[in-house]
PDB file of N, CA and C in Angstrom:
ATOM      1  N   MET A   1      84.961  86.986 146.831  1.00  0.00           N
ATOM      2  CA  MET A   1      85.069  86.555 145.052  1.00  0.00           C
ATOM      3  C   MET A   1      83.703  85.728 145.278  1.00  0.00           C
ATOM      4  N   THR A   2      83.071  85.829 143.915  1.00  0.00           N
ATOM      5  CA  THR A   2      82.084  85.041 143.717  1.00  0.00           C
ATOM      6  C   THR A   2      82.470  84.008 142.518  1.00  0.00           C
ATOM      7  N   ALA A   3      82.303  82.495 142.819  1.00  0.00           N
ATOM      8  CA  ALA A   3      82.541  81.598 141.994  1.00  0.00           C
ATOM      9  C   ALA A   3      81.809  81.846 140.295  1.00  0.00           C
ATOM     10  N   PRO A   4      82.890  81.317 139.639  1.00  0.00           N
ATOM     11  CA  PRO A   4      82.399  81.892 138.220  1.00  0.00           C
ATOM     12  C   PRO A   4      81.136  80.773 137.956  1.00  0.00           C
ATOM     13  N   LYS A   5      80.710  81.122 137.252  1.00  0.00           N
ATOM     14  CA  LYS A   5      79.251  80.607 136.827  1.00  0.00           C
ATOM     15  C   LYS A   5      79.328  79.609 136.076  1.00  0.00           C
ATOM     16  N   ALA A   6      79.162  78.421 135.925  1.00  0.00           N
ATOM     17  CA  ALA A   6      79.008  76.952 135.395  1.00  0.00           C
ATOM     18  C   ALA A   6      78.241  77.090 133.853  1.00  0.00           C
ATOM     19  N   ALA A   7      79.188  76.743 132.912  1.00  0.00           N
ATOM     20  CA  ALA A   7      78.130  76.866 131.660  1.00  0.00           C
ATOM     21  C   ALA A   7      77.332  76.274 131.591  1.00  0.00           C
ATOM     22  N   GLY A   8      76.234  76.738 130.988  1.00  0.00           N
ATOM     23  CA  GLY A   8      74.731  76.376 131.114  1.00  0.00           C
ATOM     24  C   GLY A   8      74.110  76.559 132.112  1.00  0.00           C
ATOM     25  N   SER A   9      74.450  77.015 133.319  1.00  0.00           N
ATOM     26  CA  SER A   9      73.694  76.912 134.487  1.00  0.00           C
ATOM     27  C   SER A   9      72.574  78.348 134.209  1.00  0.00           C
ATOM     28  N   GLY A  10      72.948  79.066 133.378  1.00  0.00           N
ATOM     29  CA  GLY A  10      71.719  80.093 133.163  1.00  0.00           C
ATOM     30  C   GLY A  10      71.827  81.235 134.224  1.00  0.00           C
ATOM     31  N   THR A  11      71.054  82.028 134.162  1.00  0.00           N
ATOM     32  CA  THR A  11      70.717  83.225 134.983  1.00  0.00           C
ATOM     33  C   THR A  11      69.961  82.956 136.375  1.00  0.00           C
ATOM     34  N   PRO A  12      71.089  82.631 137.447  1.00  0.00           N
ATOM     35  CA  PRO A  12      70.286  82.108 138.855  1.00  0.00           C
ATOM     36  C   PRO A  12      69.009  82.695 139.277  1.00  0.00           C
ATOM     37  N   TRP A  13      68.863  84.228 139.082  1.00  0.00           N
ATOM     38  CA  TRP A  13      67.762  84.738 139.405  1.00  0.00           C
ATOM     39  C   TRP A  13      66.612  84.809 138.324  1.00  0.00           C
ATOM     40  N   ARG A  14      66.635  83.628 137.165  1.00  0.00           N
ATOM     41  CA  ARG A  14      65.726  83.912 136.133  1.00  0.00           C
ATOM     42  C   ARG A  14      64.304  83.135 136.808  1.00  0.00           C
ATOM     43  N   HIS A  15      64.101  82.470 138.070  1.00  0.00           N
ATOM     44  CA  HIS A  15      63.055  82.429 138.602  1.00  0.00           C
ATOM     45  C   HIS A  15      62.410  83.325 139.166  1.00  0.00           C
ATOM     46  N   VAL A  16      62.821  84.546 139.323  1.00  0.00           N
ATOM     47  CA  VAL A  16      62.055  85.658 140.101  1.00  0.00           C
ATOM     48  C   VAL A  16      61.484  86.132 139.294  1.00  0.00           C
ATOM     49  N   SER A  17      60.062  86.272 139.500  1.00  0.00           N
ATOM     50  CA  SER A  17      58.845  86.794 138.653  1.00  0.00           C
ATOM     51  C   SER A  17      58.573  88.007 139.051  1.00  0.00           C
ATOM     52  N   LEU A  18      57.654  88.569 137.678  1.00  0.00           N
ATOM     53  CA  LEU A  18      57.196  90.288 138.350  1.00  0.00           C
ATOM     54  C   LEU A  18      56.513  90.172 139.624  1.00  0.00           C
ATOM     55  N   ALA A  19      55.825  89.094 139.786  1.00  0.00           N
ATOM     56  CA  ALA A  19      55.250  88.942 141.017  1.00  0.00           C
ATOM     57  C   ALA A  19      55.901  89.239 142.315  1.00  0.00           C
ATOM     58  N   ASP A  20      57.086  88.548 142.096  1.00  0.00           N
ATOM     59  CA  ASP A  20      57.805  88.311 143.348  1.00  0.00           C
ATOM     60  C   ASP A  20      58.429  90.092 143.487  1.00  0.00           C
ATOM     61  N   VAL A  21      58.777  90.529 142.473  1.00  0.00           N
ATOM     62  CA  VAL A  21      59.444  91.702 142.136  1.00  0.00           C
ATOM     63  C   VAL A  21      58.351  92.829 142.860  1.00  0.00           C
ATOM     64  N   ILE A  22      57.134  92.814 142.794  1.00  0.00           N
ATOM     65  CA  ILE A  22      56.133  93.788 142.779  1.00  0.00           C
ATOM     66  C   ILE A  22      55.919  93.429 144.555  1.00  0.00           C
ATOM     67  N   ALA A  23      55.727  92.244 145.029  1.00  0.00           N
ATOM     68  CA  ALA A  23      55.678  91.687 146.213  1.00  0.00           C
ATOM     69  C   ALA A  23      56.665  92.353 147.225  1.00  0.00           C
ATOM     70  N   ALA A  24      57.736  92.404 146.783  1.00  0.00           N
ATOM     71  CA  ALA A  24      59.045  92.899 147.508  1.00  0.00           C
ATOM     72  C   ALA A  24      58.996  94.520 147.659  1.00  0.00           C
ATOM     73  N   GLY A  25      57.828  95.023 146.670  1.00  0.00           N
ATOM     74  CA  GLY A  25      57.868  96.703 147.031  1.00  0.00           C
ATOM     75  C   GLY A  25      58.620  97.117 146.309  1.00  0.00           C
ATOM     76  N   LEU A  26      59.483  96.548 145.062  1.00  0.00           N
ATOM     77  CA  LEU A  26      60.405  97.277 144.363  1.00  0.00           C
ATOM     78  C   LEU A  26      59.762  97.941 142.979  1.00  0.00           C
ATOM     79  N   ILE A  27      58.542  97.563 142.778  1.00  0.00           N
ATOM     80  CA  ILE A  27      57.658  98.289 142.098  1.00  0.00           C
ATOM     81  C   ILE A  27      56.315  98.290 142.394  1.00  0.00           C
ATOM     82  N   ARG A  28      55.917  99.335 142.462  1.00  0.00           N
ATOM     83  CA  ARG A  28      54.306 100.244 142.380  1.00  0.00           C
ATOM     84  C   ARG A  28      53.701 100.507 141.396  1.00  0.00           C
ATOM     85  N   LEU A  29      52.812  99.717 141.123  1.00  0.00           N
ATOM     86  CA  LEU A  29      51.794  99.888 139.967  1.00  0.00           C
ATOM     87  C   LEU A  29      51.111 101.613 140.018  1.00  0.00           C
ATOM     88  N   PRO A  30      50.567 101.802 138.689  1.00  0.00           N
ATOM     89  CA  PRO A  30      51.610 101.423 137.496  1.00  0.00           C
ATOM     90  C   PRO A  30      52.747 102.163 137.421  1.00  0.00           C
ATOM     91  N   PHE A  31      53.733 101.682 136.842  1.00  0.00           N
ATOM     92  CA  PHE A  31      55.474 101.610 136.796  1.00  0.00           C
ATOM     93  C   PHE A  31      55.747 102.094 135.383  1.00  0.00           C
ATOM     94  N   ASP A  32      56.242 102.920 134.880  1.00  0.00           N
ATOM     95  CA  ASP A  32      56.762 103.572 133.954  1.00  0.00           C
ATOM     96  C   ASP A  32      58.159 102.929 133.306  1.00  0.00           C
ATOM     97  N   ILE A  33      58.351 102.242 132.317  1.00  0.00           N
ATOM     98  CA  ILE A  33      59.608 101.516 131.635  1.00  0.00           C
ATOM     99  C   ILE A  33      59.853 102.020 130.454  1.00  0.00           C
ATOM    100  N   GLU A  34      61.037 102.015 130.009  1.00  0.00           N
ATOM    101  CA  GLU A  34      61.140 102.625 128.366  1.00  0.00           C
ATOM    102  C   GLU A  34      62.573 101.828 127.977  1.00  0.00           C
ATOM    103  N   HIS A  35      62.922 102.333 126.615  1.00  0.00           N
ATOM    104  CA  HIS A  35      64.165 101.724 126.211  1.00  0.00           C
ATOM    105  C   HIS A  35      64.350 102.605 125.131  1.00  0.00           C
ATOM    106  N   ARG A  36      65.950 102.938 124.621  1.00  0.00           N
ATOM    107  CA  ARG A  36      66.271 103.747 123.837  1.00  0.00           C
ATOM    108  C   ARG A  36      66.440 102.264 122.576  1.00  0.00           C
ATOM    109  N   TYR A  37      66.015 102.322 121.235  1.00  0.00           N
ATOM    110  CA  TYR A  37      66.322 101.054 120.515  1.00  0.00           C
ATOM    111  C   TYR A  37      66.488 101.587 119.249  1.00  0.00           C
ATOM    112  N   ARG A  38      67.507 101.688 118.638  1.00  0.00           N
ATOM    113  CA  ARG A  38      68.036 102.055 117.433  1.00  0.00           C
ATOM    114  C   ARG A  38      67.881 103.423 117.151  1.00  0.00           C
ATOM    115  N   GLY A  39      67.873 104.468 118.402  1.00  0.00           N
ATOM    116  CA  GLY A  39      67.835 105.585 118.537  1.00  0.00           C
ATOM    117  C   GLY A  39      66.522 106.176 118.581  1.00  0.00           C
ATOM    118  N   VAL A  40      65.629 105.216 118.499  1.00  0.00           N
ATOM    119  CA  VAL A  40      63.956 105.681 119.110  1.00  0.00           C
ATOM    120  C   VAL A  40      63.864 105.174 120.435  1.00  0.00           C
ATOM    121  N   GLU A  41      63.139 106.088 121.185  1.00  0.00           N
ATOM    122  CA  GLU A  41      62.664 106.000 121.934  1.00  0.00           C
ATOM    123  C   GLU A  41      61.287 105.343 122.494  1.00  0.00           C
ATOM    124  N   LEU A  42      61.106 104.201 123.007  1.00  0.00           N
ATOM    125  CA  LEU A  42      60.301 103.542 123.405  1.00  0.00           C
ATOM    126  C   LEU A  42      59.775 103.652 124.720  1.00  0.00           C
ATOM    127  N   ARG A  43      58.489 103.697 125.195  1.00  0.00           N
ATOM    128  CA  ARG A  43      58.022 103.587 126.820  1.00  0.00           C
ATOM    129  C   ARG A  43      56.753 102.847 126.699  1.00  0.00           C
ATOM    130  N   ALA A  44      56.345 102.159 127.620  1.00  0.00           N
ATOM    131  CA  ALA A  44      55.804 101.282 128.038  1.00  0.00           C
ATOM    132  C   ALA A  44      55.483 101.229 129.468  1.00  0.00           C
ATOM    133  N   ARG A  45      54.258 100.906 129.945  1.00  0.00           N
ATOM    134  CA  ARG A  45      53.943 100.697 131.597  1.00  0.00           C
ATOM    135  C   ARG A  45      53.517  99.351 131.898  1.00  0.00           C
ATOM    136  N   ILE A  46      53.868  99.541 133.002  1.00  0.00           N
ATOM    137  CA  ILE A  46      53.523  97.837 133.913  1.00  0.00           C
ATOM    138  C   ILE A  46      52.643  98.123 134.455  1.00  0.00           C
ATOM    139  N   GLU A  47      51.111  97.698 134.271  1.00  0.00           N
ATOM    140  CA  GLU A  47      50.118  98.083 134.902  1.00  0.00           C
ATOM    141  C   GLU A  47      49.134  96.843 135.682  1.00  0.00           C
ATOM    142  N   GLY A  48      50.073  95.479 135.500  1.00  0.00           N
ATOM    143  CA  GLY A  48      49.460  94.569 136.710  1.00  0.00           C
ATOM    144  C   GLY A  48      50.378  93.594 136.215  1.00  0.00           C
ATOM    145  N   LEU A  49      50.405  92.403 137.005  1.00  0.00           N
ATOM    146  CA  LEU A  49      51.382  91.224 136.736  1.00  0.00           C
ATOM    147  C   LEU A  49      51.263  90.648 135.226  1.00  0.00           C
ATOM    148  N   ASP A  50      50.364  90.723 134.684  1.00  0.00           N
ATOM    149  CA  ASP A  50      50.414  90.355 133.145  1.00  0.00           C
ATOM    150  C   ASP A  50      49.651  91.192 132.077  1.00  0.00           C
ATOM    151  N   ARG A  51      49.931  92.746 132.559  1.00  0.00           N
ATOM    152  CA  ARG A  51      49.524  93.675 131.829  1.00  0.00           C
ATOM    153  C   ARG A  51      50.546  94.764 131.523  1.00  0.00           C
ATOM    154  N   ILE A  52      51.045  94.697 130.474  1.00  0.00           N
ATOM    155  CA  ILE A  52      52.397  95.613 130.272  1.00  0.00           C
ATOM    156  C   ILE A  52      51.929  96.419 128.741  1.00  0.00           C
ATOM    157  N   VAL A  53      51.485  97.687 128.917  1.00  0.00           N
ATOM    158  CA  VAL A  53      50.965  98.607 127.802  1.00  0.00           C
ATOM    159  C   VAL A  53      52.295  99.009 126.978  1.00  0.00           C
ATOM    160  N   PHE A  54      51.881  98.932 125.754  1.00  0.00           N
ATOM    161  CA  PHE A  54      53.245  99.345 124.883  1.00  0.00           C
ATOM    162  C   PHE A  54      52.114  99.835 123.514  1.00  0.00           C
ATOM    163  N   ASP A  55      52.120 101.404 123.339  1.00  0.00           N
ATOM    164  CA  ASP A  55      51.770 101.744 122.267  1.00  0.00           C
ATOM    165  C   ASP A  55      50.046 101.403 122.282  1.00  0.00           C
ATOM    166  N   GLY A  56      49.663 101.568 123.601  1.00  0.00           N
ATOM    167  CA  GLY A  56      48.131 101.486 123.466  1.00  0.00           C
ATOM    168  C   GLY A  56      47.577 100.171 123.494  1.00  0.00           C
ATOM    169  N   GLN A  57      48.605  98.984 123.344  1.00  0.00           N
ATOM    170  CA  GLN A  57      47.992  97.602 123.076  1.00  0.00           C
ATOM    171  C   GLN A  57      48.741  97.312 124.672  1.00  0.00           C
ATOM    172  N   ALA A  58      48.162  96.247 124.878  1.00  0.00           N
ATOM    173  CA  ALA A  58      48.146  95.007 126.320  1.00  0.00           C
ATOM    174  C   ALA A  58      49.118  93.833 125.850  1.00  0.00           C
ATOM    175  N   TYR A  59      49.959  93.698 126.372  1.00  0.00           N
ATOM    176  CA  TYR A  59      50.640  92.564 126.653  1.00  0.00           C
ATOM    177  C   TYR A  59      51.127  91.617 127.956  1.00  0.00           C
ATOM    178  N   ASP A  60      50.760  90.431 128.000  1.00  0.00           N
ATOM    179  CA  ASP A  60      51.024  89.689 129.066  1.00  0.00           C
ATOM    180  C   ASP A  60      52.312  89.509 129.631  1.00  0.00           C
ATOM    181  N   SER A  61      53.371  89.982 128.925  1.00  0.00           N
ATOM    182  CA  SER A  61      54.605  89.602 129.523  1.00  0.00           C
ATOM    183  C   SER A  61      55.534  90.941 129.153  1.00  0.00           C
ATOM    184  N   LEU A  62      56.707  91.236 129.704  1.00  0.00           N
ATOM    185  CA  LEU A  62      57.874  92.228 129.510  1.00  0.00           C
ATOM    186  C   LEU A  62      58.143  91.886 128.412  1.00  0.00           C
ATOM    187  N   SER A  63      58.750  90.325 127.733  1.00  0.00           N
ATOM    188  CA  SER A  63      58.912  89.917 126.766  1.00  0.00           C
ATOM    189  C   SER A  63      58.435  90.479 125.677  1.00  0.00           C
ATOM    190  N   SER A  64      57.178  90.024 125.540  1.00  0.00           N
ATOM    191  CA  SER A  64      56.258  90.128 124.482  1.00  0.00           C
ATOM    192  C   SER A  64      55.986  91.811 124.133  1.00  0.00           C
ATOM    193  N   ALA A  65      55.995  92.439 124.889  1.00  0.00           N
ATOM    194  CA  ALA A  65      55.844  93.948 124.632  1.00  0.00           C
ATOM    195  C   ALA A  65      57.168  94.356 124.454  1.00  0.00           C
ATOM    196  N   GLY A  66      58.449  93.752 124.778  1.00  0.00           N
ATOM    197  CA  GLY A  66      59.825  94.225 124.279  1.00  0.00           C
ATOM    198  C   GLY A  66      59.631  93.998 122.575  1.00  0.00           C
ATOM    199  N   GLY A  67      59.460  92.593 122.468  1.00  0.00           N
ATOM    200  CA  GLY A  67      59.561  92.174 120.989  1.00  0.00           C
ATOM    201  C   GLY A  67      58.499  92.945 120.146  1.00  0.00           C
ATOM    202  N   VAL A  68      57.506  93.245 120.718  1.00  0.00           N
ATOM    203  CA  VAL A  68      56.501  94.083 119.981  1.00  0.00           C
ATOM    204  C   VAL A  68      56.948  95.512 119.373  1.00  0.00           C
ATOM    205  N   ALA A  69      57.566  96.081 120.756  1.00  0.00           N
ATOM    206  CA  ALA A  69      58.436  97.285 120.565  1.00  0.00           C
ATOM    207  C   ALA A  69      59.863  97.365 119.688  1.00  0.00           C
ATOM    208  N   ARG A  70      60.510  96.230 119.722  1.00  0.00           N
ATOM    209  CA  ARG A  70      61.486  96.042 118.611  1.00  0.00           C
ATOM    210  C   ARG A  70      60.892  96.072 117.460  1.00  0.00           C
ATOM    211  N   LYS A  71      59.948  95.183 116.783  1.00  0.00           N
ATOM    212  CA  LYS A  71      59.447  95.118 115.709  1.00  0.00           C
ATOM    213  C   LYS A  71      58.755  96.478 115.160  1.00  0.00           C
ATOM    214  N   SER A  72      58.579  97.365 116.117  1.00  0.00           N
ATOM    215  CA  SER A  72      57.660  98.578 115.851  1.00  0.00           C
ATOM    216  C   SER A  72      58.891  99.848 115.196  1.00  0.00           C
ATOM    217  N   VAL A  73      60.063  99.296 115.562  1.00  0.00           N
ATOM    218  CA  VAL A  73      61.261 100.316 115.291  1.00  0.00           C
ATOM    219  C   VAL A  73      62.048  99.217 113.675  1.00  0.00           C
ATOM    220  N   ALA A  74      62.093  98.202 114.057  1.00  0.00           N
ATOM    221  CA  ALA A  74      63.165  97.443 113.018  1.00  0.00           C
ATOM    222  C   ALA A  74      62.447  96.812 112.142  1.00  0.00           C
ATOM    223  N   GLY A  75      61.058  96.470 112.011  1.00  0.00           N
ATOM    224  CA  GLY A  75      60.067  95.946 111.214  1.00  0.00           C
ATOM    225  C   GLY A  75      60.158  94.513 111.365  1.00  0.00           C
ATOM    226  N   PRO A  76      59.637  93.774 110.350  1.00  0.00           N
ATOM    227  CA  PRO A  76      59.544  92.333 110.626  1.00  0.00           C
ATOM    228  C   PRO A  76      61.268  91.515 110.710  1.00  0.00           C
ATOM    229  N   PHE A  77      60.918  90.687 111.506  1.00  0.00           N
ATOM    230  CA  PHE A  77      62.205  89.559 111.831  1.00  0.00           C
ATOM    231  C   PHE A  77      61.841  88.295 111.160  1.00  0.00           C
ATOM    232  N   PRO A  78      62.819  87.993 110.105  1.00  0.00           N
ATOM    233  CA  PRO A  78      62.600  86.926 109.386  1.00  0.00           C
ATOM    234  C   PRO A  78      62.185  85.560 110.075  1.00  0.00           C
ATOM    235  N   GLY A  79      61.270  84.741 110.248  1.00  0.00           N
ATOM    236  CA  GLY A  79      60.815  83.492 110.776  1.00  0.00           C
ATOM    237  C   GLY A  79      60.033  83.855 112.024  1.00  0.00           C
ATOM    238  N   ARG A  80      59.870  85.298 112.170  1.00  0.00           N
ATOM    239  CA  ARG A  80      59.419  85.103 113.605  1.00  0.00           C
ATOM    240  C   ARG A  80      58.411  86.076 113.288  1.00  0.00           C
ATOM    241  N   ASP A  81      57.391  86.250 114.024  1.00  0.00           N
ATOM    242  CA  ASP A  81      56.080  87.233 114.224  1.00  0.00           C
ATOM    243  C   ASP A  81      56.812  88.708 115.174  1.00  0.00           C
ATOM    244  N   ILE A  82      57.036  87.860 116.311  1.00  0.00           N
ATOM    245  CA  ILE A  82      57.779  88.815 117.107  1.00  0.00           C
ATOM    246  C   ILE A  82      58.995  88.334 117.489  1.00  0.00           C
ATOM    247  N   PRO A  83      60.057  89.206 117.471  1.00  0.00           N
ATOM    248  CA  PRO A  83      61.236  88.884 117.591  1.00  0.00           C
ATOM    249  C   PRO A  83      61.827  88.315 119.227  1.00  0.00           C
ATOM    250  N   GLN A  84      62.234  87.447 119.583  1.00  0.00           N
ATOM    251  CA  GLN A  84      62.649  87.307 121.072  1.00  0.00           C
ATOM    252  C   GLN A  84      63.209  87.945 121.710  1.00  0.00           C
ATOM    253  N   THR A  85      62.926  88.540 122.992  1.00  0.00           N
ATOM    254  CA  THR A  85      63.192  89.495 123.527  1.00  0.00           C
ATOM    255  C   THR A  85      63.208  89.314 125.060  1.00  0.00           C
ATOM    256  N   ASN A  86      64.190  89.301 125.729  1.00  0.00           N
ATOM    257  CA  ASN A  86      64.349  89.420 126.873  1.00  0.00           C
ATOM    258  C   ASN A  86      63.974  90.622 127.707  1.00  0.00           C
ATOM    259  N   GLY A  87      62.412  90.702 128.022  1.00  0.00           N
ATOM    260  CA  GLY A  87      61.855  91.873 128.498  1.00  0.00           C
ATOM    261  C   GLY A  87      62.786  92.425 129.762  1.00  0.00           C
ATOM    262  N   TRP A  88      63.079  91.514 130.702  1.00  0.00           N
ATOM    263  CA  TRP A  88      63.851  91.827 131.811  1.00  0.00           C
ATOM    264  C   TRP A  88      65.154  92.884 131.481  1.00  0.00           C
ATOM    265  N   THR A  89      65.696  92.287 130.783  1.00  0.00           N
ATOM    266  CA  THR A  89      67.056  93.141 130.289  1.00  0.00           C
ATOM    267  C   THR A  89      66.855  94.205 129.197  1.00  0.00           C
ATOM    268  N   PHE A  90      65.699  94.106 128.203  1.00  0.00           N
ATOM    269  CA  PHE A  90      65.329  94.997 127.526  1.00  0.00           C
ATOM    270  C   PHE A  90      64.886  96.374 128.041  1.00  0.00           C
ATOM    271  N   TRP A  91      63.913  96.268 128.822  1.00  0.00           N
ATOM    272  CA  TRP A  91      63.169  97.340 129.635  1.00  0.00           C
ATOM    273  C   TRP A  91      63.841  97.935 130.491  1.00  0.00           C
ATOM    274  N   GLU A  92      64.034  99.236 130.854  1.00  0.00           N
ATOM    275  CA  GLU A  92      64.611  99.752 131.922  1.00  0.00           C
ATOM    276  C   GLU A  92      63.964 100.697 132.610  1.00  0.00           C
ATOM    277  N   TYR A  93      64.138 101.185 133.733  1.00  0.00           N
ATOM    278  CA  TYR A  93      63.534 102.226 134.456  1.00  0.00           C
ATOM    279  C   TYR A  93      64.114 103.118 134.951  1.00  0.00           C
ATOM    280  N   ARG A  94      63.928 104.690 135.212  1.00  0.00           N
ATOM    281  CA  ARG A  94      64.529 105.703 135.272  1.00  0.00           C
ATOM    282  C   ARG A  94      64.313 105.797 137.084  1.00  0.00           C
ATOM    283  N   GLY A  95      65.637 105.522 137.224  1.00  0.00           N
ATOM    284  CA  GLY A  95      65.896 105.582 139.083  1.00  0.00           C
ATOM    285  C   GLY A  95      66.075 107.036 139.597  1.00  0.00           C
ATOM    286  N   PRO A  96      66.270 106.949 140.959  1.00  0.00           N
ATOM    287  CA  PRO A  96      66.074 108.162 141.835  1.00  0.00           C
ATOM    288  C   PRO A  96      67.333 109.010 141.378  1.00  0.00           C
ATOM    289  N   ASP A  97      68.405 108.714 140.806  1.00  0.00           N
ATOM    290  CA  ASP A  97      69.485 109.316 140.255  1.00  0.00           C
ATOM    291  C   ASP A  97      69.070 109.666 138.989  1.00  0.00           C
ATOM    292  N   GLY A  98      67.871 109.490 138.233  1.00  0.00           N
ATOM    293  CA  GLY A  98      67.641 110.020 137.021  1.00  0.00           C
ATOM    294  C   GLY A  98      68.252 109.155 136.047  1.00  0.00           C
ATOM    295  N   GLY A  99      69.036 107.917 136.625  1.00  0.00           N
ATOM    296  CA  GLY A  99      69.581 107.173 135.178  1.00  0.00           C
ATOM    297  C   GLY A  99      68.696 106.002 134.926  1.00  0.00           C
ATOM    298  N   LEU A 100      68.940 105.583 133.730  1.00  0.00           N
ATOM    299  CA  LEU A 100      68.255 104.555 133.272  1.00  0.00           C
ATOM    300  C   LEU A 100      68.886 103.093 133.824  1.00  0.00           C
ATOM    301  N   HIS A 101      68.274 101.973 134.494  1.00  0.00           N
ATOM    302  CA  HIS A 101      68.668 101.072 134.825  1.00  0.00           C
ATOM    303  C   HIS A 101      67.917  99.854 134.234  1.00  0.00           C
ATOM    304  N   GLU A 102      68.509  98.533 133.941  1.00  0.00           N
ATOM    305  CA  GLU A 102      67.579  97.344 133.694  1.00  0.00           C
ATOM    306  C   GLU A 102      66.953  96.751 134.680  1.00  0.00           C
ATOM    307  N   LEU A 103      65.697  96.738 134.314  1.00  0.00           N
ATOM    308  CA  LEU A 103      64.530  95.992 135.278  1.00  0.00           C
ATOM    309  C   LEU A 103      65.002  94.648 135.831  1.00  0.00           C
ATOM    310  N   ASP A 104      66.268  94.185 135.206  1.00  0.00           N
ATOM    311  CA  ASP A 104      66.752  92.695 135.860  1.00  0.00           C
ATOM    312  C   ASP A 104      67.330  92.836 137.216  1.00  0.00           C
ATOM    313  N   SER A 105      67.478  94.393 137.122  1.00  0.00           N
ATOM    314  CA  SER A 105      68.746  94.277 138.707  1.00  0.00           C
ATOM    315  C   SER A 105      67.530  94.232 139.870  1.00  0.00           C
ATOM    316  N   PHE A 106      66.288  94.347 139.257  1.00  0.00           N
ATOM    317  CA  PHE A 106      65.135  94.110 140.714  1.00  0.00           C
ATOM    318  C   PHE A 106      64.969  92.665 140.933  1.00  0.00           C
ATOM    319  N   ARG A 107      65.190  91.633 139.853  1.00  0.00           N
ATOM    320  CA  ARG A 107      64.904  90.700 139.915  1.00  0.00           C
ATOM    321  C   ARG A 107      66.572  90.131 140.716  1.00  0.00           C
ATOM    322  N   ARG A 108      67.609  90.568 140.359  1.00  0.00           N
ATOM    323  CA  ARG A 108      68.732  90.358 141.150  1.00  0.00           C
ATOM    324  C   ARG A 108      68.886  90.774 142.760  1.00  0.00           C
ATOM    325  N   ALA A 109      68.044  91.656 143.082  1.00  0.00           N
ATOM    326  CA  ALA A 109      68.096  91.983 144.334  1.00  0.00           C
ATOM    327  C   ALA A 109      67.075  90.837 145.287  1.00  0.00           C
ATOM    328  N   VAL A 110      66.022  90.733 144.274  1.00  0.00           N
ATOM    329  CA  VAL A 110      65.140  89.852 145.104  1.00  0.00           C
ATOM    330  C   VAL A 110      66.306  88.649 145.333  1.00  0.00           C
ATOM    331  N   HIS A 111      66.486  88.150 144.246  1.00  0.00           N
ATOM    332  CA  HIS A 111      67.136  86.756 144.499  1.00  0.00           C
ATOM    333  C   HIS A 111      68.375  86.978 145.435  1.00  0.00           C
ATOM    334  N   ASP A 112      68.688  87.853 145.834  1.00  0.00           N
ATOM    335  CA  ASP A 112      69.905  88.037 146.462  1.00  0.00           C
ATOM    336  C   ASP A 112      69.650  88.253 147.740  1.00  0.00           C
ATOM    337  N   GLY A 113      68.382  88.698 148.370  1.00  0.00           N
ATOM    338  CA  GLY A 113      67.782  88.837 149.645  1.00  0.00           C
ATOM    339  C   GLY A 113      68.309  90.431 149.665  1.00  0.00           C
ATOM    340  N   LYS A 114      68.407  91.566 149.010  1.00  0.00           N
ATOM    341  CA  LYS A 114      69.081  92.781 149.411  1.00  0.00           C
ATOM    342  C   LYS A 114      67.735  93.722 149.305  1.00  0.00           C
ATOM    343  N   VAL A 115      66.587  93.160 149.613  1.00  0.00           N
ATOM    344  CA  VAL A 115      65.244  93.797 149.602  1.00  0.00           C
ATOM    345  C   VAL A 115      64.509  93.550 151.092  1.00  0.00           C
ATOM    346  N   ILE A 116      63.581  94.546 151.535  1.00  0.00           N
ATOM    347  CA  ILE A 116      63.089  94.175 152.601  1.00  0.00           C
ATOM    348  C   ILE A 116      61.579  94.235 151.919  1.00  0.00           C
ATOM    349  N   SER A 117      60.784  93.353 151.957  1.00  0.00           N
ATOM    350  CA  SER A 117      59.255  93.271 151.618  1.00  0.00           C
ATOM    351  C   SER A 117      58.485  94.350 152.786  1.00  0.00           C
ATOM    352  N   LEU A 118      57.896  95.163 151.920  1.00  0.00           N
ATOM    353  CA  LEU A 118      57.180  96.328 152.454  1.00  0.00           C
ATOM    354  C   LEU A 118      55.820  95.597 152.930  1.00  0.00           C
ATOM    355  N   ALA A 119      55.409  94.356 152.536  1.00  0.00           N
ATOM    356  CA  ALA A 119      54.035  93.990 153.021  1.00  0.00           C
ATOM    357  C   ALA A 119      54.214  93.189 153.969  1.00  0.00           C
ATOM    358  N   THR A 120      55.495  92.396 154.273  1.00  0.00           N
ATOM    359  CA  THR A 120      55.959  91.578 155.488  1.00  0.00           C
ATOM    360  C   THR A 120      57.039  91.950 156.469  1.00  0.00           C
ATOM    361  N   GLY A 121      57.699  93.151 156.219  1.00  0.00           N
ATOM    362  CA  GLY A 121      58.543  93.405 156.935  1.00  0.00           C
ATOM    363  C   GLY A 121      59.818  92.276 156.823  1.00  0.00           C
ATOM    364  N   ARG A 122      59.756  91.169 156.214  1.00  0.00           N
ATOM    365  CA  ARG A 122      60.669  90.097 155.638  1.00  0.00           C
ATOM    366  C   ARG A 122      61.976  90.487 154.512  1.00  0.00           C
ATOM    367  N   ARG A 123      62.820  89.769 154.622  1.00  0.00           N
ATOM    368  CA  ARG A 123      63.705  90.019 153.554  1.00  0.00           C
ATOM    369  C   ARG A 123      62.947  89.048 152.565  1.00  0.00           C
ATOM    370  N   ALA A 124      63.119  89.550 151.275  1.00  0.00           N
ATOM    371  CA  ALA A 124      62.485  88.854 150.283  1.00  0.00           C
ATOM    372  C   ALA A 124      63.306  87.502 150.347  1.00  0.00           C
ATOM    373  N   GLY A 125      62.582  86.507 149.881  1.00  0.00           N
ATOM    374  CA  GLY A 125      63.379  85.184 149.262  1.00  0.00           C
ATOM    375  C   GLY A 125      63.688  84.492 150.740  1.00  0.00           C
ATOM    376  N   ALA A 126      63.442  84.994 151.914  1.00  0.00           N
ATOM    377  CA  ALA A 126      63.549  84.422 153.251  1.00  0.00           C
ATOM    378  C   ALA A 126      62.336  83.554 153.742  1.00  0.00           C
TER     379      ALA A 126
END
């Protein structure tokens, strides 16, 4: 049984980066991502560590691309040019089972040491 998360402790895997996920071999570039937002299918592609392409424009993070994608459907958000969006939980990928899975599952796997790095043959995070 896992211990309950302490209030304010945040997501323990929040420091796992896109570079870590790619180094662990979980994402091979280019990598297609998607999300159904308010009934609209949104698609983007991870082309590099700081290059996520949505609607023909490149963004430097999953969150920026996700915010722009949300704005493209919902219109302007009061007080913000681009709505604050957690790209790791917004964007999903289609797994081998055909289902959609949050990109954040990759960060959790790296954090928990459940993957073997293809580059080194060592457990990620070890």
